[in-house]
Amino acid sequence: MLKELVEYIARSLVDKPEDVHVTEVEGEQTSVLELKVAKEDLGKVIGKQGRTARAMRTILGAASTKARKRSVLEILE
């Protein structure tokens, strides 16, 4: 559920939605979502001063609280 949410948001932001890949690494209490986009779309996902990335993390935090699991978003280069 959370993986699809991050993927949907990222695909809506970038110019090359086919290059958006989200990998979920499950831990005991924490789930790490790794987001990989095309190099030229990295700025769009991060946003000015990291605002877009912070907003995505806030949405993910709210959704993961509802799912009773802690989730972390990592944006990979």
Protein backbone atom coordinates (compact mmCIF):
# COMPACT_ATOMS: atom_id res chain seq x y z
CA MET A 1 0.00 0.00 0.00
CA LEU A 2 2.70 2.51 1.01
CA LYS A 3 4.93 1.51 -1.90
CA GLU A 4 2.13 2.21 -4.37
CA LEU A 5 1.43 5.57 -2.72
CA VAL A 6 5.05 6.76 -3.09
CA GLU A 7 5.19 5.42 -6.64
CA TYR A 8 1.98 7.26 -7.59
CA ILE A 9 3.18 10.58 -6.14
CA ALA A 10 6.62 10.30 -7.77
CA ARG A 11 5.18 9.37 -11.18
CA SER A 12 2.91 12.43 -11.01
CA LEU A 13 5.91 14.73 -10.45
CA VAL A 14 8.48 13.54 -13.00
CA ASP A 15 8.88 13.85 -16.78
CA LYS A 16 9.89 10.17 -17.19
CA PRO A 17 7.37 8.16 -15.12
CA GLU A 18 8.64 4.89 -16.63
CA ASP A 19 11.97 5.43 -14.80
CA VAL A 20 10.35 5.58 -11.34
CA HIS A 21 11.22 2.54 -9.23
CA VAL A 22 10.28 2.01 -5.58
CA THR A 23 11.86 -0.81 -3.59
CA GLU A 24 10.57 -1.78 -0.17
CA VAL A 25 13.06 -3.13 2.38
CA GLU A 26 11.20 -4.70 5.30
CA GLY A 27 12.65 -4.59 8.79
CA GLU A 28 11.20 -5.82 12.07
CA GLN A 29 9.57 -2.51 13.00
CA THR A 30 10.54 -0.20 10.15
CA SER A 31 9.98 -0.36 6.43
CA VAL A 32 12.40 1.54 4.17
CA LEU A 33 11.08 2.70 0.82
CA GLU A 34 13.85 3.44 -1.69
CA LEU A 35 12.81 5.77 -4.50
CA LYS A 36 14.86 5.87 -7.68
CA VAL A 37 14.09 8.26 -10.54
CA ALA A 38 15.86 9.42 -13.71
CA LYS A 39 18.81 11.72 -13.00
CA GLU A 40 17.15 14.73 -14.65
CA ASP A 41 14.00 14.22 -12.54
CA LEU A 42 15.83 14.13 -9.20
CA GLY A 43 15.33 17.88 -8.65
CA LYS A 44 11.58 17.61 -9.23
CA VAL A 45 11.23 14.88 -6.60
CA ILE A 46 13.36 16.72 -4.02
CA GLY A 47 11.95 20.20 -4.73
CA LYS A 48 13.24 23.58 -3.64
CA GLN A 49 15.09 23.25 -0.33
CA GLY A 50 13.73 19.70 -0.07
CA ARG A 51 10.12 20.80 0.31
CA THR A 52 8.63 18.20 -2.03
CA ALA A 53 10.63 15.38 -0.44
CA ARG A 54 9.58 16.59 3.03
CA ALA A 55 5.93 16.67 1.94
CA MET A 56 6.18 13.12 0.57
CA ARG A 57 7.73 11.98 3.87
CA THR A 58 4.91 13.66 5.81
CA ILE A 59 2.25 11.90 3.72
CA LEU A 60 4.12 8.60 4.09
CA GLY A 61 4.35 9.12 7.86
CA ALA A 62 0.61 9.71 8.12
CA ALA A 63 -0.20 6.67 5.97
CA SER A 64 2.23 4.44 7.87
CA THR A 65 0.75 5.53 11.21
CA LYS A 66 -2.62 4.35 9.94
CA ALA A 67 -1.01 1.05 8.90
CA ARG A 68 0.65 0.85 12.36
CA LYS A 69 4.12 0.59 10.88
CA ARG A 70 7.02 3.04 10.75
CA SER A 71 8.18 3.89 7.23
CA VAL A 72 11.17 5.85 5.98
CA LEU A 73 11.59 7.31 2.48
CA GLU A 74 15.07 7.23 0.94
CA ILE A 75 15.63 9.03 -2.35
CA LEU A 76 18.48 7.36 -4.22
CA GLU A 77 20.63 9.03 -6.86
